[in-house]
Amino acid sequence: EAEVSLAWSMGMLHDIGRFEQCKRYDTFNDSQSINHAEFGCELLFGQDMLIKRFGIDEGYYKLIHDAIFYHSSYRLPDDMDAVEERE
């Protein structure tokens, strides 16, 4: 149940950068504005820590950050750990 809840939260938050991207740049196209995934992480985990508004256990923040940050990447970093190794 916890994993399903975490997956749902990541699914809901993974494109949070798109909304502000559209508002600021009037486009959803990353190549015409900013990388929406990185921008979403900046919004959630930056100075204001908007992620705290969602009531998610802080122990999952790194996993959520990485899932959002890399969700539109062509490749994942070679040194990225498997999920099992993070728990």
Protein backbone atom coordinates (compact mmCIF):
# COMPACT_ATOMS: atom_id res chain seq x y z
CA GLU A 1 0.00 0.00 0.00
CA ALA A 2 2.85 2.41 0.81
CA GLU A 3 4.51 1.73 -2.54
CA VAL A 4 1.25 2.34 -4.40
CA SER A 5 0.77 5.61 -2.54
CA LEU A 6 4.34 6.68 -3.31
CA ALA A 7 3.96 5.76 -6.99
CA TRP A 8 0.69 7.71 -7.16
CA SER A 9 2.34 10.77 -5.57
CA MET A 10 5.25 10.64 -8.00
CA GLY A 11 2.84 10.26 -10.91
CA MET A 12 0.85 13.27 -9.79
CA LEU A 13 3.93 15.43 -9.19
CA HIS A 14 6.16 14.43 -12.10
CA ASP A 15 4.91 17.20 -14.41
CA ILE A 16 4.38 19.92 -11.81
CA GLY A 17 6.97 22.02 -13.64
CA ARG A 18 4.75 22.08 -16.74
CA PHE A 19 2.17 24.36 -15.14
CA GLU A 20 4.62 27.08 -14.17
CA GLN A 21 6.47 26.56 -17.46
CA CYS A 22 3.27 27.35 -19.35
CA LYS A 23 2.49 30.29 -17.09
CA ARG A 24 5.93 31.88 -17.40
CA TYR A 25 6.89 30.96 -20.97
CA ASP A 26 3.52 30.36 -22.64
CA THR A 27 4.67 26.96 -23.89
CA PHE A 28 4.96 23.32 -22.85
CA ASN A 29 7.95 22.85 -25.15
CA ASP A 30 11.17 22.39 -23.17
CA SER A 31 13.36 23.31 -26.14
CA GLN A 32 11.61 26.69 -26.34
CA SER A 33 11.78 27.43 -22.62
CA ILE A 34 13.20 25.31 -19.78
CA ASN A 35 13.55 21.66 -18.84
CA HIS A 36 10.22 21.08 -17.10
CA ALA A 37 11.49 18.12 -15.06
CA GLU A 38 14.40 20.06 -13.56
CA PHE A 39 12.11 23.05 -13.06
CA GLY A 40 9.60 20.85 -11.23
CA CYS A 41 12.34 19.75 -8.84
CA GLU A 42 13.33 23.36 -8.30
CA LEU A 43 9.73 24.17 -7.39
CA LEU A 44 9.28 21.16 -5.11
CA PHE A 45 12.68 20.96 -3.45
CA GLY A 46 13.99 24.50 -3.77
CA GLN A 47 13.89 27.31 -1.26
CA ASP A 48 10.15 27.06 -0.56
CA MET A 49 10.16 23.23 -0.27
CA LEU A 50 6.68 22.92 -1.75
CA ILE A 51 7.00 19.13 -1.38
CA LYS A 52 6.20 19.57 2.33
CA ARG A 53 2.65 20.60 1.43
CA PHE A 54 1.89 17.07 0.23
CA GLY A 55 2.39 15.23 3.52
CA ILE A 56 4.93 12.78 2.11
CA ASP A 57 7.48 11.15 4.41
CA GLU A 58 10.81 12.98 4.06
CA GLY A 59 12.56 9.64 3.71
CA TYR A 60 11.15 9.44 0.18
CA TYR A 61 12.25 12.91 -0.92
CA LYS A 62 15.44 11.76 -2.68
CA LEU A 63 13.58 9.04 -4.57
CA ILE A 64 10.80 11.45 -5.56
CA HIS A 65 13.32 14.11 -6.57
CA ASP A 66 15.21 11.69 -8.80
CA ALA A 67 12.04 10.24 -10.34
CA ILE A 68 10.85 13.72 -11.27
CA PHE A 69 14.25 15.12 -12.26
CA TYR A 70 15.07 12.27 -14.64
CA HIS A 71 11.60 11.33 -15.93
CA SER A 72 12.13 13.03 -19.29
CA SER A 73 15.83 12.25 -19.62
CA TYR A 74 17.08 10.13 -22.49
CA ARG A 75 19.42 8.26 -20.14
CA LEU A 76 19.77 7.82 -16.42
CA PRO A 77 23.14 8.48 -14.81
CA ASP A 78 25.38 5.39 -14.75
CA ASP A 79 25.97 5.78 -11.02
CA MET A 80 22.28 5.92 -10.10
CA ASP A 81 21.39 3.38 -7.42
CA ALA A 82 18.58 0.88 -7.75
CA VAL A 83 15.47 1.64 -5.69
CA GLU A 84 16.06 -1.45 -3.53
CA GLU A 85 19.44 -0.11 -2.46
CA ARG A 86 17.92 3.15 -1.21
CA GLU A 87 15.50 1.61 1.23
